[in-house]
Every structure is written in structure tokens, then in C-alpha cells.
Amino acid sequence: MQLIHTLYEPAGAGPHPTILTLHGRGANAFDLLGLAPHLCGGKLLMICPQGPLEMPIGPEAVGYAWYPMSMGGSPDVAAILSSQKLLLTFLDQCLQRYPIDAKQLVVLGFSQGGVMAHSLSLAHTERFVALAVLSSWLPKELVQELAIGEGVRSLPTLVQHGTQDPMIEVDRARDSVQRLRELRLPLTYREYDMGHEISPRSLSDLSAWLEEKVLSPIMLAT
């Protein structure tokens, strides 16, 4: 497969509701895997691919990214779209290999991974049942390059952000939320007294939101 990845698979034969989970800059495929048992009681299959770009994070350590750091300037949209293409191919490979319910596929991203989650879901709404974006933002330059259809109006979206975030200021999140509202997404936005992180409270809220938007419709259908 094109991307190194980790996997959490719940009990049972499947197919399972699944979260495609995208880490932030400088992390790796293991970074968010530990969330899986805490989300909806571990009922969701979680796939965590690793970004394709190596980046030093210390004298002897290496992390990974989805696109180069912009150093305060405009993001490299071409690099974002290149990684988006890699992720779509990777997702197709995962659908062939793992017991994924393709009709119950969520994309979740933290920090830089949230930008990637936006790029995937807004341009390919038909592939995802929900979008969750944690401690991230939506660059206007990216929106201008995506072919966004009316399907986004039926994409449940959760955005969580810390008011004390020193890396992605909360005002950037609020600006991104306004951009999403202009697209008429069914949006839930929540702020927390935290930094650039996932807190116990935000994790609990994320789990409850996934239960409502993803698992409850399954139970009603059966």
C-alpha cells in the first residue's frame, strides 16, 4: 500500500463503521491510534495513515507531514492536493483490504491533518458520512481550488478548538467556521479551555457526536 499506516479493528466480522484519521505535522501513524478504544466504546474501525513527507523534530527524531510548513504565509495548496490524491488512492486500497463499511466512513483530522480532512471531504462528499476537524483550520486558498458541490449540505461536521491554542489561534478556527457556514454545512462548533490538544472533555464530546451522527442512524436503519 502507498502509505504506512496503523489500524484498530473492533471485534466482529464487519464491515465496520470506520474513521480515516489524519495526524498533525511532526507526528506519525501511531499518534492518534490510541483514541480508538475511547470513541463509541471501540465500535469503530480506525485507520491512521502516515504523512508522506519526512521532517526533523529534534537532533535524532523524525516526524511526518502532509505538506510543507508555510512559515506564516499562504499554504502550499499544490502539495495539499498532491497528498489528497495519495489519500484517495490509499483509501481505495483500504476498502479492498479491510472490513470497512464504505457507507459509514468518517474522516477525522487533527491540526495539519484537519486541513487534509477538509480537502478530502469537501471535494469528495459522496465518500464520507461525517467530518471531524480538531485544532485545525480551513485555508481560503484551498477552498478556492476545491470543486465543492451541494453535497456538503448533507455532511455532518464537527469542529473543535482550544481557546488557548498557541499554534493555530482560535480566531483562525472561527474564521474557518464562518467559511464552512457559508457552504451551509450541518455544523457543530465547540471551543474548549485548552491548548493545541485533545482534552478528556473534547474527546467525550467527539465520541457522543459520532454516536449520534454515525452509529445511531445505523441502529435506526436496522
Protein backbone atom coordinates (compact mmCIF):
# COMPACT_ATOMS: atom_id res chain seq x y z
CA MET A 1 0.00 0.00 0.00
CA GLN A 2 1.17 3.52 -0.73
CA LEU A 3 1.11 4.88 2.81
CA ILE A 4 2.44 3.40 6.04
CA HIS A 5 -0.46 3.10 8.46
CA THR A 6 -1.73 1.67 11.71
CA LEU A 7 -5.09 0.04 12.29
CA TYR A 8 -7.56 -0.55 15.11
CA GLU A 9 -10.16 -3.19 14.30
CA PRO A 10 -13.15 -3.81 16.59
CA ALA A 11 -14.48 -7.24 17.43
CA GLY A 12 -16.69 -8.98 14.90
CA ALA A 13 -16.50 -9.80 11.23
CA GLY A 14 -17.60 -6.41 9.92
CA PRO A 15 -17.97 -4.49 7.76
CA HIS A 16 -17.43 -1.80 10.39
CA PRO A 17 -18.16 1.92 10.52
CA THR A 18 -14.72 3.42 10.00
CA ILE A 19 -12.73 6.56 10.77
CA LEU A 20 -9.93 7.65 8.43
CA THR A 21 -7.78 9.51 10.97
CA LEU A 22 -5.14 12.03 9.86
CA HIS A 23 -2.36 13.15 12.20
CA GLY A 24 -0.81 16.59 12.56
CA ARG A 25 2.55 17.90 11.38
CA GLY A 26 5.51 16.20 13.03
CA ALA A 27 3.56 13.18 14.24
CA ASN A 28 3.24 9.68 12.76
CA ALA A 29 0.81 6.83 12.10
CA PHE A 30 0.69 5.88 15.80
CA ASP A 31 -0.15 9.37 17.08
CA LEU A 32 -3.96 9.19 17.13
CA LEU A 33 -4.46 5.42 17.17
CA GLY A 34 -4.88 5.45 20.95
CA LEU A 35 -8.15 7.36 20.58
CA ALA A 36 -9.89 4.35 19.03
CA PRO A 37 -10.90 2.46 22.22
CA HIS A 38 -12.30 5.70 23.69
CA LEU A 39 -14.56 6.54 20.75
CA CYS A 40 -18.01 4.94 20.89
CA GLY A 41 -16.74 2.16 23.09
CA GLY A 42 -14.28 0.96 20.45
CA LYS A 43 -17.01 0.12 17.93
CA LEU A 44 -15.36 1.97 15.06
CA LEU A 45 -12.56 0.67 12.88
CA MET A 46 -9.79 3.28 12.75
CA ILE A 47 -7.19 3.66 10.00
CA CYS A 48 -4.28 6.04 10.65
CA PRO A 49 -2.08 6.68 7.60
CA GLN A 50 1.27 8.42 7.92
CA GLY A 51 2.05 11.62 6.04
CA PRO A 52 4.42 11.19 3.07
CA LEU A 53 6.87 13.98 3.97
CA GLU A 54 9.68 13.41 6.49
CA MET A 55 10.60 16.33 8.76
CA PRO A 56 13.15 16.58 11.57
CA ILE A 57 11.64 17.20 15.02
CA GLY A 58 14.84 17.03 17.05
CA PRO A 59 18.53 16.08 16.88
CA GLU A 60 17.73 12.41 16.16
CA ALA A 61 13.96 12.25 15.69
CA VAL A 62 11.86 12.36 12.53
CA GLY A 63 8.19 13.21 12.18
CA TYR A 64 5.90 13.30 9.19
CA ALA A 65 3.74 15.87 7.45
CA TRP A 66 1.14 16.10 4.70
CA TYR A 67 2.53 19.28 3.16
CA PRO A 68 5.44 21.69 3.88
CA MET A 69 5.11 24.26 6.64
CA SER A 70 4.24 27.69 5.22
CA MET A 71 6.06 29.74 7.92
CA GLY A 72 3.10 32.09 8.25
CA GLY A 73 2.50 32.54 4.53
CA SER A 74 -0.09 31.00 2.25
CA PRO A 75 -0.23 27.20 2.41
CA ASP A 76 1.17 25.12 -0.43
CA VAL A 77 -2.16 24.16 -1.99
CA ALA A 78 -0.49 22.09 -4.71
CA ALA A 79 1.20 19.97 -2.03
CA ILE A 80 -2.11 19.62 -0.16
CA LEU A 81 -3.83 18.41 -3.30
CA SER A 82 -0.97 16.01 -4.03
CA SER A 83 -1.39 14.42 -0.60
CA GLN A 84 -5.16 14.42 -1.11
CA LYS A 85 -4.64 12.30 -4.24
CA LEU A 86 -2.39 9.91 -2.31
CA LEU A 87 -5.02 9.56 0.40
CA LEU A 88 -7.80 8.82 -2.08
CA THR A 89 -5.72 6.04 -3.64
CA PHE A 90 -4.83 4.75 -0.17
CA LEU A 91 -8.49 4.76 0.81
CA ASP A 92 -9.42 2.71 -2.26
CA GLN A 93 -6.74 0.19 -1.28
CA CYS A 94 -8.06 0.03 2.28
CA LEU A 95 -11.60 -0.62 1.05
CA GLN A 96 -10.27 -3.67 -0.78
CA ARG A 97 -8.19 -4.94 2.15
CA TYR A 98 -10.08 -4.20 5.38
CA PRO A 99 -13.69 -4.83 6.55
CA ILE A 100 -14.80 -1.20 6.08
CA ASP A 101 -18.42 -0.16 5.67
CA ALA A 102 -17.98 2.25 2.76
CA LYS A 103 -21.37 3.81 3.54
CA GLN A 104 -20.28 4.67 7.09
CA LEU A 105 -16.88 6.28 6.55
CA VAL A 106 -15.84 9.27 8.67
CA VAL A 107 -12.77 11.43 8.05
CA LEU A 108 -11.13 13.00 11.11
CA GLY A 109 -8.09 15.24 11.17
CA PHE A 110 -6.02 16.92 13.88
CA SER A 111 -4.08 20.15 13.12
CA GLN A 112 -2.46 19.76 9.67
CA GLY A 113 -4.45 16.56 9.32
CA GLY A 114 -7.58 18.67 9.71
CA VAL A 115 -6.65 20.65 6.61
CA MET A 116 -6.33 17.34 4.78
CA ALA A 117 -9.68 16.15 6.16
CA HIS A 118 -11.29 19.33 4.82
CA SER A 119 -9.70 18.81 1.41
CA LEU A 120 -10.94 15.22 1.18
CA SER A 121 -14.48 15.65 2.44
CA LEU A 122 -15.42 18.95 0.81
CA ALA A 123 -14.27 17.79 -2.63
CA HIS A 124 -15.48 14.18 -2.29
CA THR A 125 -18.56 14.46 -0.12
CA GLU A 126 -20.08 11.30 -1.59
CA ARG A 127 -17.36 9.20 0.06
CA PHE A 128 -17.89 10.33 3.65
CA VAL A 129 -20.77 10.23 6.10
CA ALA A 130 -19.23 12.78 8.52
CA LEU A 131 -16.27 15.13 9.03
CA ALA A 132 -14.49 15.91 12.32
CA VAL A 133 -11.80 18.60 12.49
CA LEU A 134 -9.76 19.08 15.68
CA SER A 135 -7.45 22.04 16.40
CA SER A 136 -7.19 22.98 12.73
CA TRP A 137 -8.33 25.49 10.13
CA LEU A 138 -9.62 25.79 6.57
CA PRO A 139 -7.40 27.93 4.31
CA LYS A 140 -9.35 30.16 1.93
CA GLU A 141 -6.75 29.38 -0.75
CA LEU A 142 -7.71 25.70 -0.51
CA VAL A 143 -11.45 26.39 -0.76
CA GLN A 144 -10.83 28.30 -3.97
CA GLU A 145 -9.17 25.24 -5.55
CA LEU A 146 -11.73 22.62 -4.50
CA ALA A 147 -14.74 21.65 -6.58
CA ILE A 148 -17.32 21.86 -3.80
CA GLY A 149 -20.81 20.71 -4.68
CA GLU A 150 -24.15 20.92 -2.91
CA GLY A 151 -23.49 17.53 -1.32
CA VAL A 152 -21.68 19.31 1.51
CA ARG A 153 -25.07 20.45 2.78
CA SER A 154 -25.71 16.90 3.97
CA LEU A 155 -22.26 16.32 5.53
CA PRO A 156 -22.44 16.46 9.37
CA THR A 157 -19.35 18.35 10.52
CA LEU A 158 -17.80 18.80 13.96
CA VAL A 159 -15.12 21.42 14.60
CA GLN A 160 -13.36 21.54 17.99
CA HIS A 161 -10.74 24.10 19.02
CA GLY A 162 -8.90 25.29 22.12
CA THR A 163 -9.20 28.93 23.12
CA GLN A 164 -5.59 28.78 24.38
CA ASP A 165 -4.15 27.15 21.26
CA PRO A 166 -0.68 28.70 20.69
CA MET A 167 -0.10 27.02 17.32
CA ILE A 168 -3.37 27.68 15.48
CA GLU A 169 -5.04 30.65 17.12
CA VAL A 170 -8.73 30.31 17.88
CA ASP A 171 -9.50 33.29 15.62
CA ARG A 172 -8.31 31.21 12.65
CA ALA A 173 -10.71 28.46 13.66
CA ARG A 174 -13.57 30.94 13.97
CA ASP A 175 -12.76 32.34 10.54
CA SER A 176 -12.75 28.80 9.14
CA VAL A 177 -16.11 28.06 10.77
CA GLN A 178 -17.59 31.10 9.06
CA ARG A 179 -16.25 29.77 5.76
CA LEU A 180 -17.91 26.43 6.43
CA ARG A 181 -21.19 28.09 7.36
CA GLU A 182 -21.18 29.88 4.01
CA LEU A 183 -21.13 26.40 2.44
CA ARG A 184 -24.25 25.58 4.51
CA LEU A 185 -22.77 22.55 6.19
CA PRO A 186 -24.70 21.00 9.10
CA LEU A 187 -22.06 22.25 11.52
CA THR A 188 -21.34 21.82 15.22
CA TYR A 189 -18.61 24.12 16.57
CA ARG A 190 -17.24 23.81 20.10
CA GLU A 191 -14.47 25.66 21.91
CA TYR A 192 -12.60 24.40 24.97
CA ASP A 193 -10.31 25.91 27.56
CA MET A 194 -7.27 24.03 26.26
CA GLY A 195 -4.25 24.40 24.00
CA HIS A 196 -3.29 22.52 20.84
CA GLU A 197 -4.54 19.18 22.08
CA ILE A 198 -7.42 16.78 22.62
CA SER A 199 -8.76 17.02 26.16
CA PRO A 200 -10.88 14.45 28.05
CA ARG A 201 -13.92 16.69 27.59
CA SER A 202 -13.39 17.27 23.86
CA LEU A 203 -12.81 13.53 23.38
CA SER A 204 -16.04 12.74 25.22
CA ASP A 205 -17.94 15.24 23.07
CA LEU A 206 -16.40 13.77 19.91
CA SER A 207 -17.47 10.28 20.94
CA ALA A 208 -21.04 11.40 21.67
CA TRP A 209 -21.21 13.23 18.34
CA LEU A 210 -20.03 10.13 16.46
CA GLU A 211 -22.61 8.01 18.28
CA GLU A 212 -25.35 10.44 17.20
CA LYS A 213 -24.27 11.10 13.62
CA VAL A 214 -22.80 7.74 12.62
CA LEU A 215 -23.88 4.87 14.88
CA SER A 216 -27.43 5.95 15.75
CA PRO A 217 -28.52 6.12 12.09
CA ILE A 218 -27.19 2.56 11.64
CA MET A 219 -29.23 1.30 14.58
CA LEU A 220 -32.36 3.07 13.33
CA ALA A 221 -31.89 1.55 9.88
CA THR A 222 -31.69 -1.96 11.30
